[in-house]
């Protein structure tokens, strides 16, 4: 479980196909503190298990299914990825509850500065429109954001300058794919109401 409050931008050292799995090797600093093999780290919002680490980097095994269904399929050496350690029981929930299970990939339609802030509009995969909730929470590449506009097949959020600096969203552009995780509570409500409608 995570909060969607990105701790740092890591840098992809390599992402290679190994005999048993894809191996993602990332340079990092902050998330290495107190880290142990087997710990969970959200990478662009996707929950991965640490397999190895040293003083400057960490590695993950990535399933082909995960690579195919997330924007990991476009990762290149040197790319920035958002990193967050899993939530501690004595920690703060500054964003919202994020599981690290990606619902699908969105596509950036529009990204522009408006005044001091930044407006970001993202299309959603078919079938996910029902999960967009105006003023609800959504994780975009693991960043906890608030839906400012529900546009049917897309949604819009506003980003403050700090988010642009601390996360990899500052380097995104129209056409880029982003990992989306819709609000957990909204997904449960949607599932329960759908079942009740069929009773």
Protein backbone atom coordinates (compact mmCIF):
# COMPACT_ATOMS: atom_id res chain seq x y z
CA UNK A 1 0.00 0.00 0.00
CA UNK A 2 1.22 3.47 -0.93
CA UNK A 3 0.03 7.08 -0.68
CA UNK A 4 0.90 8.52 -4.09
CA UNK A 5 3.37 10.97 -2.53
CA UNK A 6 6.48 10.44 -4.64
CA UNK A 7 9.69 10.48 -2.63
CA UNK A 8 12.12 10.95 -5.48
CA UNK A 9 12.81 10.53 -9.18
CA UNK A 10 14.98 7.52 -9.86
CA UNK A 11 16.98 7.06 -13.05
CA UNK A 12 16.79 3.87 -15.09
CA UNK A 13 20.27 2.35 -15.39
CA UNK A 14 19.06 -0.58 -17.46
CA UNK A 15 15.96 -2.58 -18.30
CA UNK A 16 16.91 -5.88 -19.87
CA UNK A 17 15.39 -9.24 -20.69
CA UNK A 18 16.92 -11.94 -18.49
CA UNK A 19 16.28 -15.70 -18.77
CA UNK A 20 13.61 -15.71 -16.05
CA UNK A 21 12.23 -12.15 -16.11
CA UNK A 22 12.87 -8.60 -17.14
CA UNK A 23 15.41 -6.93 -14.84
CA UNK A 24 14.94 -3.25 -13.97
CA UNK A 25 17.96 -1.52 -12.43
CA UNK A 26 17.37 1.99 -11.04
CA UNK A 27 19.67 4.58 -9.48
CA UNK A 28 18.15 6.16 -6.38
CA UNK A 29 18.94 7.83 -3.05
CA UNK A 30 16.04 8.48 -0.69
CA UNK A 31 14.18 5.18 -1.08
CA UNK A 32 17.35 3.21 -0.28
CA UNK A 33 17.24 4.30 3.38
CA UNK A 34 16.35 1.29 5.52
CA UNK A 35 15.66 -0.81 2.43
CA UNK A 36 15.84 -4.61 2.45
CA UNK A 37 15.42 -7.22 -0.27
CA UNK A 38 11.74 -8.17 -0.49
CA UNK A 39 10.50 -4.66 0.29
CA UNK A 40 7.88 -3.11 -1.98
CA UNK A 41 8.58 0.04 -3.98
CA UNK A 42 6.13 1.81 -6.28
CA UNK A 43 7.86 2.52 -9.60
CA UNK A 44 5.74 4.87 -11.71
CA UNK A 45 2.90 3.72 -9.47
CA UNK A 46 3.49 0.00 -10.06
CA UNK A 47 4.23 -2.09 -6.97
CA UNK A 48 7.49 -4.02 -7.46
CA UNK A 49 9.58 -6.17 -5.13
CA UNK A 50 13.21 -5.25 -4.48
CA UNK A 51 15.47 -8.16 -5.44
CA UNK A 52 18.85 -6.49 -4.89
CA UNK A 53 20.24 -3.14 -3.82
CA UNK A 54 23.47 -1.38 -2.95
CA UNK A 55 24.36 2.09 -1.72
CA UNK A 56 23.30 3.79 -4.95
CA UNK A 57 20.78 1.59 -6.77
CA UNK A 58 18.14 -1.11 -6.57
CA UNK A 59 16.87 -3.85 -8.86
CA UNK A 60 13.52 -5.49 -9.56
CA UNK A 61 12.31 -8.50 -11.51
CA UNK A 62 9.45 -7.47 -13.81
CA UNK A 63 6.94 -9.87 -15.33
CA UNK A 64 6.32 -9.72 -19.07
CA UNK A 65 2.64 -9.08 -18.21
CA UNK A 66 3.62 -6.05 -16.12
CA UNK A 67 5.89 -4.70 -18.85
CA UNK A 68 3.16 -5.12 -21.46
CA UNK A 69 0.33 -3.53 -19.45
CA UNK A 70 2.25 -0.50 -18.13
CA UNK A 71 4.41 2.24 -19.57
CA UNK A 72 7.44 0.13 -18.64
CA UNK A 73 7.28 -1.05 -22.25
CA UNK A 74 8.64 2.39 -23.22
CA UNK A 75 11.34 2.66 -20.54
CA UNK A 76 14.79 3.53 -21.85
CA UNK A 77 18.14 3.87 -20.13
CA UNK A 78 18.32 7.26 -18.41
CA UNK A 79 14.54 7.65 -18.10
CA UNK A 80 13.22 9.10 -14.85
CA UNK A 81 10.78 7.01 -12.80
CA UNK A 82 8.75 8.00 -9.75
CA UNK A 83 9.70 6.08 -6.59
CA UNK A 84 7.83 5.62 -3.32
CA UNK A 85 8.42 3.23 -0.45
CA UNK A 86 5.42 1.33 0.88
CA UNK A 87 3.30 2.92 3.59
CA UNK A 88 4.35 2.30 7.19
CA UNK A 89 1.75 1.84 9.91
CA UNK A 90 3.22 4.83 11.75
CA UNK A 91 3.46 6.92 8.58
CA UNK A 92 1.38 9.79 7.23
CA UNK A 93 -1.17 9.42 4.46
CA UNK A 94 -0.56 12.67 2.60
CA UNK A 95 -2.20 11.58 -0.65
CA UNK A 96 -4.69 8.71 -0.89
CA UNK A 97 -4.55 4.93 -0.61
CA UNK A 98 -2.75 3.56 -3.67
CA UNK A 99 -2.31 -0.19 -4.11
CA UNK A 100 0.33 -0.14 -6.82
CA UNK A 101 -1.89 -2.24 -9.11
CA UNK A 102 -2.19 -0.39 -12.40
CA UNK A 103 -5.68 -0.28 -13.96
CA UNK A 104 -4.44 0.73 -17.39
CA UNK A 105 -2.42 3.17 -19.43
CA UNK A 106 -3.67 6.64 -20.19
CA UNK A 107 -2.41 8.90 -22.96
CA UNK A 108 -1.57 12.58 -22.44
CA UNK A 109 -3.78 14.69 -24.72
CA UNK A 110 -2.79 18.16 -23.56
CA UNK A 111 -0.13 19.47 -21.19
CA UNK A 112 0.36 23.21 -20.85
CA UNK A 113 1.26 25.88 -18.36
CA UNK A 114 -1.54 28.18 -17.29
CA UNK A 115 -0.26 30.92 -15.05
CA UNK A 116 1.98 29.42 -12.38
CA UNK A 117 0.28 26.03 -12.57
CA UNK A 118 0.12 23.27 -15.17
CA UNK A 119 -2.95 21.75 -16.80
CA UNK A 120 -2.78 18.07 -17.75
CA UNK A 121 -5.49 16.23 -19.71
CA UNK A 122 -5.32 12.45 -20.08
CA UNK A 123 -7.45 10.00 -22.05
CA UNK A 124 -8.40 6.77 -20.29
CA UNK A 125 -8.59 3.21 -21.62
CA UNK A 126 -11.96 2.05 -22.92
CA UNK A 127 -14.16 0.84 -20.08
CA UNK A 128 -12.46 2.98 -17.44
CA UNK A 129 -14.60 6.08 -18.01
CA UNK A 130 -16.97 5.01 -15.23
CA UNK A 131 -14.11 5.14 -12.71
CA UNK A 132 -13.45 8.86 -13.21
CA UNK A 133 -14.88 10.82 -10.27
CA UNK A 134 -14.92 14.62 -10.29
CA UNK A 135 -12.88 15.82 -7.28
CA UNK A 136 -11.93 12.19 -6.64
CA UNK A 137 -8.40 10.86 -6.38
CA UNK A 138 -6.33 9.24 -9.12
CA UNK A 139 -2.71 8.08 -9.31
CA UNK A 140 -0.86 9.10 -12.49
CA UNK A 141 2.51 7.35 -12.73
CA UNK A 142 2.12 6.88 -8.99
CA UNK A 143 1.44 10.55 -8.24
CA UNK A 144 -1.66 11.19 -6.13
CA UNK A 145 -3.75 13.84 -7.91
CA UNK A 146 -7.28 15.23 -7.75
CA UNK A 147 -9.55 15.01 -10.78
CA UNK A 148 -10.41 18.61 -11.69
CA UNK A 149 -12.54 17.79 -14.76
CA UNK A 150 -14.42 14.65 -15.79
CA UNK A 151 -14.53 14.87 -19.58
CA UNK A 152 -16.08 11.49 -20.30
CA UNK A 153 -13.30 9.64 -22.09
CA UNK A 154 -10.62 11.77 -20.47
CA UNK A 155 -9.97 13.75 -17.32
CA UNK A 156 -7.92 16.76 -16.32
CA UNK A 157 -5.76 17.55 -13.30
CA UNK A 158 -3.77 20.56 -12.20
CA UNK A 159 -0.12 20.31 -11.17
CA UNK A 160 1.75 22.70 -8.92
CA UNK A 161 5.39 23.60 -9.69
CA UNK A 162 6.64 21.33 -6.88
CA UNK A 163 5.01 18.29 -8.51
CA UNK A 164 6.69 19.24 -11.78
CA UNK A 165 10.08 19.30 -10.05
CA UNK A 166 9.83 16.30 -7.72
CA UNK A 167 8.16 13.82 -10.10
CA UNK A 168 8.74 12.68 -13.67
CA UNK A 169 5.53 14.40 -14.80
CA UNK A 170 7.55 17.55 -15.47
CA UNK A 171 9.23 15.77 -18.36
CA UNK A 172 6.05 14.46 -19.99
CA UNK A 173 4.48 15.70 -23.22
CA UNK A 174 1.38 15.16 -25.33
CA UNK A 175 1.26 11.60 -26.65
CA UNK A 176 3.17 10.04 -23.74
CA UNK A 177 1.67 7.04 -21.95
CA UNK A 178 1.13 7.18 -18.18
CA UNK A 179 0.17 4.49 -15.70
CA UNK A 180 -3.26 5.02 -14.13
CA UNK A 181 -4.67 3.67 -10.90
CA UNK A 182 -8.19 4.81 -10.16
CA UNK A 183 -9.37 5.44 -6.60
CA UNK A 184 -9.69 2.21 -4.62
CA UNK A 185 -12.87 3.27 -2.82
CA UNK A 186 -14.49 4.31 -6.10
CA UNK A 187 -13.68 0.91 -7.64
CA UNK A 188 -15.29 -0.92 -4.72
CA UNK A 189 -18.39 1.26 -4.86
CA UNK A 190 -18.66 0.74 -8.62
CA UNK A 191 -18.36 -3.05 -8.21
CA UNK A 192 -20.91 -3.25 -5.40
CA UNK A 193 -23.49 -1.05 -7.14
CA UNK A 194 -23.10 -3.08 -10.35
CA UNK A 195 -23.81 -6.27 -8.39
CA UNK A 196 -26.81 -4.74 -6.63
CA UNK A 197 -28.23 -3.66 -9.99
CA UNK A 198 -28.20 -7.30 -11.10
CA UNK A 199 -29.91 -8.66 -7.97
